């Protein structure tokens, strides 16, 4: 009977599959990614993992975020009675502006220059019916 219980438990784990969630922003993903394996989540996920800083590695923003609880992550969660449940997090960076209309504002621009540039960018975006980019410097 004991072996039968273990076999049933093993089958339940095998059939449970993995938890996987994906968030897409609509931006086109680039080849650059940020990954954090075994990110610590506590009390059945009520206390989420710490924030992953992506600003330095993804200067054009984020295209997609995926979280996953694999089989080993779930085993750890079961063994700790849900107190500690690690997960894997993968962030795909967005592609930078390729082509498109860009407005450049000098590093030392005044508030009036900023206002005028942002107004021009908004008008161009409306007229072209597409996103435009405002870049500082260069």
C-alpha atoms as a PDB file:
ATOM      1  CA  UNK A   1       0.000   0.000   0.000  1.00  0.00           C
ATOM      2  CA  UNK A   2       2.871   2.380   0.746  1.00  0.00           C
ATOM      3  CA  UNK A   3       4.360   1.925  -2.742  1.00  0.00           C
ATOM      4  CA  UNK A   4       0.932   2.529  -4.229  1.00  0.00           C
ATOM      5  CA  UNK A   5       0.645   5.863  -2.374  1.00  0.00           C
ATOM      6  CA  UNK A   6       4.065   6.947  -3.608  1.00  0.00           C
ATOM      7  CA  UNK A   7       3.174   5.981  -7.170  1.00  0.00           C
ATOM      8  CA  UNK A   8      -0.082   7.956  -6.932  1.00  0.00           C
ATOM      9  CA  UNK A   9       1.782  10.982  -5.592  1.00  0.00           C
ATOM     10  CA  UNK A  10       4.396  10.727  -8.359  1.00  0.00           C
ATOM     11  CA  UNK A  11       1.657  10.458 -10.977  1.00  0.00           C
ATOM     12  CA  UNK A  12      -0.116  13.510  -9.530  1.00  0.00           C
ATOM     13  CA  UNK A  13       3.113  15.523  -9.822  1.00  0.00           C
ATOM     14  CA  UNK A  14       3.723  14.323 -13.364  1.00  0.00           C
ATOM     15  CA  UNK A  15       0.206  15.220 -14.481  1.00  0.00           C
ATOM     16  CA  UNK A  16       0.212  18.586 -12.711  1.00  0.00           C
ATOM     17  CA  UNK A  17       2.443  20.097 -15.390  1.00  0.00           C
ATOM     18  CA  UNK A  18       4.087  23.434 -14.941  1.00  0.00           C
ATOM     19  CA  UNK A  19       2.728  26.886 -14.235  1.00  0.00           C
ATOM     20  CA  UNK A  20       3.629  29.408 -16.927  1.00  0.00           C
ATOM     21  CA  UNK A  21       2.462  33.019 -17.385  1.00  0.00           C
ATOM     22  CA  UNK A  22       3.415  35.436 -20.169  1.00  0.00           C
ATOM     23  CA  UNK A  23       2.896  39.189 -20.352  1.00  0.00           C
ATOM     24  CA  UNK A  24       3.434  40.883 -23.709  1.00  0.00           C
ATOM     25  CA  UNK A  25       3.660  44.664 -24.134  1.00  0.00           C
ATOM     26  CA  UNK A  26       3.204  44.731 -27.897  1.00  0.00           C
ATOM     27  CA  UNK A  27       6.777  45.866 -28.539  1.00  0.00           C
ATOM     28  CA  UNK A  28       8.940  43.820 -30.888  1.00  0.00           C
ATOM     29  CA  UNK A  29      11.357  41.663 -28.833  1.00  0.00           C
ATOM     30  CA  UNK A  30      15.097  41.895 -29.369  1.00  0.00           C
ATOM     31  CA  UNK A  31      17.713  39.208 -28.750  1.00  0.00           C
ATOM     32  CA  UNK A  32      18.634  40.764 -25.377  1.00  0.00           C
ATOM     33  CA  UNK A  33      17.146  39.048 -22.331  1.00  0.00           C
ATOM     34  CA  UNK A  34      17.344  39.270 -18.558  1.00  0.00           C
ATOM     35  CA  UNK A  35      16.841  36.035 -16.637  1.00  0.00           C
ATOM     36  CA  UNK A  36      16.542  35.207 -12.964  1.00  0.00           C
ATOM     37  CA  UNK A  37      16.447  31.527 -12.082  1.00  0.00           C
ATOM     38  CA  UNK A  38      14.997  30.436  -8.765  1.00  0.00           C
ATOM     39  CA  UNK A  39      13.603  33.852  -7.856  1.00  0.00           C
ATOM     40  CA  UNK A  40      12.337  33.608  -4.280  1.00  0.00           C
ATOM     41  CA  UNK A  41       8.585  33.736  -3.737  1.00  0.00           C
ATOM     42  CA  UNK A  42       7.108  33.221  -0.276  1.00  0.00           C
ATOM     43  CA  UNK A  43       3.822  31.994   1.235  1.00  0.00           C
ATOM     44  CA  UNK A  44       2.223  30.536  -1.905  1.00  0.00           C
ATOM     45  CA  UNK A  45       3.289  33.593  -3.925  1.00  0.00           C
ATOM     46  CA  UNK A  46       1.715  36.164  -1.599  1.00  0.00           C
ATOM     47  CA  UNK A  47       5.178  37.685  -1.202  1.00  0.00           C
ATOM     48  CA  UNK A  48       6.497  37.959  -4.770  1.00  0.00           C
ATOM     49  CA  UNK A  49      10.136  37.830  -5.841  1.00  0.00           C
ATOM     50  CA  UNK A  50      12.168  41.025  -5.661  1.00  0.00           C
ATOM     51  CA  UNK A  51      12.010  43.424  -8.604  1.00  0.00           C
ATOM     52  CA  UNK A  52      14.288  42.672 -11.524  1.00  0.00           C
ATOM     53  CA  UNK A  53      16.075  45.815 -12.694  1.00  0.00           C
ATOM     54  CA  UNK A  54      15.924  45.906 -16.496  1.00  0.00           C
ATOM     55  CA  UNK A  55      16.515  49.605 -17.252  1.00  0.00           C
ATOM     56  CA  UNK A  56      20.258  49.222 -17.894  1.00  0.00           C
ATOM     57  CA  UNK A  57      19.948  46.119 -20.064  1.00  0.00           C
ATOM     58  CA  UNK A  58      16.709  47.121 -21.816  1.00  0.00           C
ATOM     59  CA  UNK A  59      17.068  50.818 -22.720  1.00  0.00           C
ATOM     60  CA  UNK A  60      14.156  50.604 -25.182  1.00  0.00           C
ATOM     61  CA  UNK A  61      11.849  48.971 -22.661  1.00  0.00           C
ATOM     62  CA  UNK A  62      10.465  45.468 -22.232  1.00  0.00           C
ATOM     63  CA  UNK A  63       8.686  43.389 -24.866  1.00  0.00           C
ATOM     64  CA  UNK A  64       7.751  40.286 -22.870  1.00  0.00           C
ATOM     65  CA  UNK A  65       7.904  38.920 -19.310  1.00  0.00           C
ATOM     66  CA  UNK A  66       7.559  35.198 -18.602  1.00  0.00           C
ATOM     67  CA  UNK A  67       7.279  33.529 -15.218  1.00  0.00           C
ATOM     68  CA  UNK A  68       7.402  29.791 -14.795  1.00  0.00           C
ATOM     69  CA  UNK A  69       7.161  27.216 -12.044  1.00  0.00           C
ATOM     70  CA  UNK A  70       8.902  24.126 -13.345  1.00  0.00           C
ATOM     71  CA  UNK A  71       8.704  20.666 -11.838  1.00  0.00           C
ATOM     72  CA  UNK A  72      11.643  21.191  -9.460  1.00  0.00           C
ATOM     73  CA  UNK A  73      10.267  24.573  -8.380  1.00  0.00           C
ATOM     74  CA  UNK A  74       6.973  22.891  -7.484  1.00  0.00           C
ATOM     75  CA  UNK A  75       8.746  20.066  -5.629  1.00  0.00           C
ATOM     76  CA  UNK A  76      10.510  22.651  -3.455  1.00  0.00           C
ATOM     77  CA  UNK A  77       7.167  24.390  -2.868  1.00  0.00           C
ATOM     78  CA  UNK A  78       5.544  21.136  -1.768  1.00  0.00           C
ATOM     79  CA  UNK A  79       8.485  20.179   0.472  1.00  0.00           C
ATOM     80  CA  UNK A  80       8.360  23.577   2.224  1.00  0.00           C
ATOM     81  CA  UNK A  81       4.556  23.426   2.469  1.00  0.00           C
ATOM     82  CA  UNK A  82       4.277  26.504   0.232  1.00  0.00           C
ATOM     83  CA  UNK A  83       6.360  28.717   2.475  1.00  0.00           C
ATOM     84  CA  UNK A  84       9.105  28.999  -0.177  1.00  0.00           C
ATOM     85  CA  UNK A  85       8.227  28.599  -3.843  1.00  0.00           C
ATOM     86  CA  UNK A  86      10.973  29.585  -6.285  1.00  0.00           C
ATOM     87  CA  UNK A  87      10.163  30.545  -9.877  1.00  0.00           C
ATOM     88  CA  UNK A  88      12.061  31.328 -13.055  1.00  0.00           C
ATOM     89  CA  UNK A  89      11.621  34.779 -14.619  1.00  0.00           C
ATOM     90  CA  UNK A  90      12.652  35.715 -18.155  1.00  0.00           C
ATOM     91  CA  UNK A  91      12.401  39.248 -19.592  1.00  0.00           C
ATOM     92  CA  UNK A  92      12.796  39.897 -23.338  1.00  0.00           C
ATOM     93  CA  UNK A  93      13.972  43.436 -24.052  1.00  0.00           C
ATOM     94  CA  UNK A  94      12.240  45.512 -26.731  1.00  0.00           C
ATOM     95  CA  UNK A  95      13.980  46.472 -29.935  1.00  0.00           C
ATOM     96  CA  UNK A  96      15.203  50.032 -30.106  1.00  0.00           C
ATOM     97  CA  UNK A  97      13.822  52.558 -32.529  1.00  0.00           C
ATOM     98  CA  UNK A  98      14.731  51.516 -36.044  1.00  0.00           C
ATOM     99  CA  UNK A  99      13.916  54.082 -38.683  1.00  0.00           C
ATOM    100  CA  UNK A 100      10.919  56.121 -37.620  1.00  0.00           C
ATOM    101  CA  UNK A 101      10.900  59.790 -36.771  1.00  0.00           C
ATOM    102  CA  UNK A 102      13.212  61.000 -34.037  1.00  0.00           C
ATOM    103  CA  UNK A 103      13.427  64.407 -32.386  1.00  0.00           C
ATOM    104  CA  UNK A 104      16.697  65.269 -30.660  1.00  0.00           C
ATOM    105  CA  UNK A 105      16.867  67.598 -27.669  1.00  0.00           C
ATOM    106  CA  UNK A 106      20.319  68.872 -26.614  1.00  0.00           C
ATOM    107  CA  UNK A 107      21.584  67.897 -23.151  1.00  0.00           C
ATOM    108  CA  UNK A 108      21.443  71.529 -22.003  1.00  0.00           C
ATOM    109  CA  UNK A 109      17.991  72.307 -23.468  1.00  0.00           C
ATOM    110  CA  UNK A 110      15.793  74.841 -21.711  1.00  0.00           C
ATOM    111  CA  UNK A 111      12.268  74.137 -20.562  1.00  0.00           C
ATOM    112  CA  UNK A 112      10.942  76.126 -23.554  1.00  0.00           C
ATOM    113  CA  UNK A 113      12.971  73.965 -25.958  1.00  0.00           C
ATOM    114  CA  UNK A 114      11.627  70.823 -24.313  1.00  0.00           C
ATOM    115  CA  UNK A 115       8.037  72.056 -24.579  1.00  0.00           C
ATOM    116  CA  UNK A 116       8.448  73.001 -28.246  1.00  0.00           C
ATOM    117  CA  UNK A 117      10.101  69.679 -29.115  1.00  0.00           C
ATOM    118  CA  UNK A 118       7.460  67.631 -27.328  1.00  0.00           C
ATOM    119  CA  UNK A 119       4.712  69.602 -29.070  1.00  0.00           C
ATOM    120  CA  UNK A 120       6.332  68.961 -32.470  1.00  0.00           C
ATOM    121  CA  UNK A 121       6.748  65.274 -31.651  1.00  0.00           C
ATOM    122  CA  UNK A 122       3.101  64.950 -30.618  1.00  0.00           C
ATOM    123  CA  UNK A 123       1.937  66.681 -33.800  1.00  0.00           C
ATOM    124  CA  UNK A 124       4.180  64.460 -35.953  1.00  0.00           C
ATOM    125  CA  UNK A 125       2.891  61.343 -34.214  1.00  0.00           C
ATOM    126  CA  UNK A 126      -0.698  62.426 -34.850  1.00  0.00           C
ATOM    127  CA  UNK A 127      -0.019  63.347 -38.494  1.00  0.00           C
ATOM    128  CA  UNK A 128       1.981  60.196 -39.259  1.00  0.00           C
ATOM    129  CA  UNK A 129      -0.268  57.964 -37.150  1.00  0.00           C
ATOM    130  CA  UNK A 130       2.759  56.239 -35.642  1.00  0.00           C
ATOM    131  CA  UNK A 131       5.125  56.513 -32.715  1.00  0.00           C
ATOM    132  CA  UNK A 132       7.923  59.048 -32.797  1.00  0.00           C
ATOM    133  CA  UNK A 133      10.992  59.202 -30.574  1.00  0.00           C
ATOM    134  CA  UNK A 134      12.405  62.035 -28.487  1.00  0.00           C
ATOM    135  CA  UNK A 135      16.098  61.523 -27.795  1.00  0.00           C
ATOM    136  CA  UNK A 136      18.334  63.495 -25.427  1.00  0.00           C
ATOM    137  CA  UNK A 137      21.760  64.490 -26.734  1.00  0.00           C
ATOM    138  CA  UNK A 138      23.510  63.580 -29.991  1.00  0.00           C
END
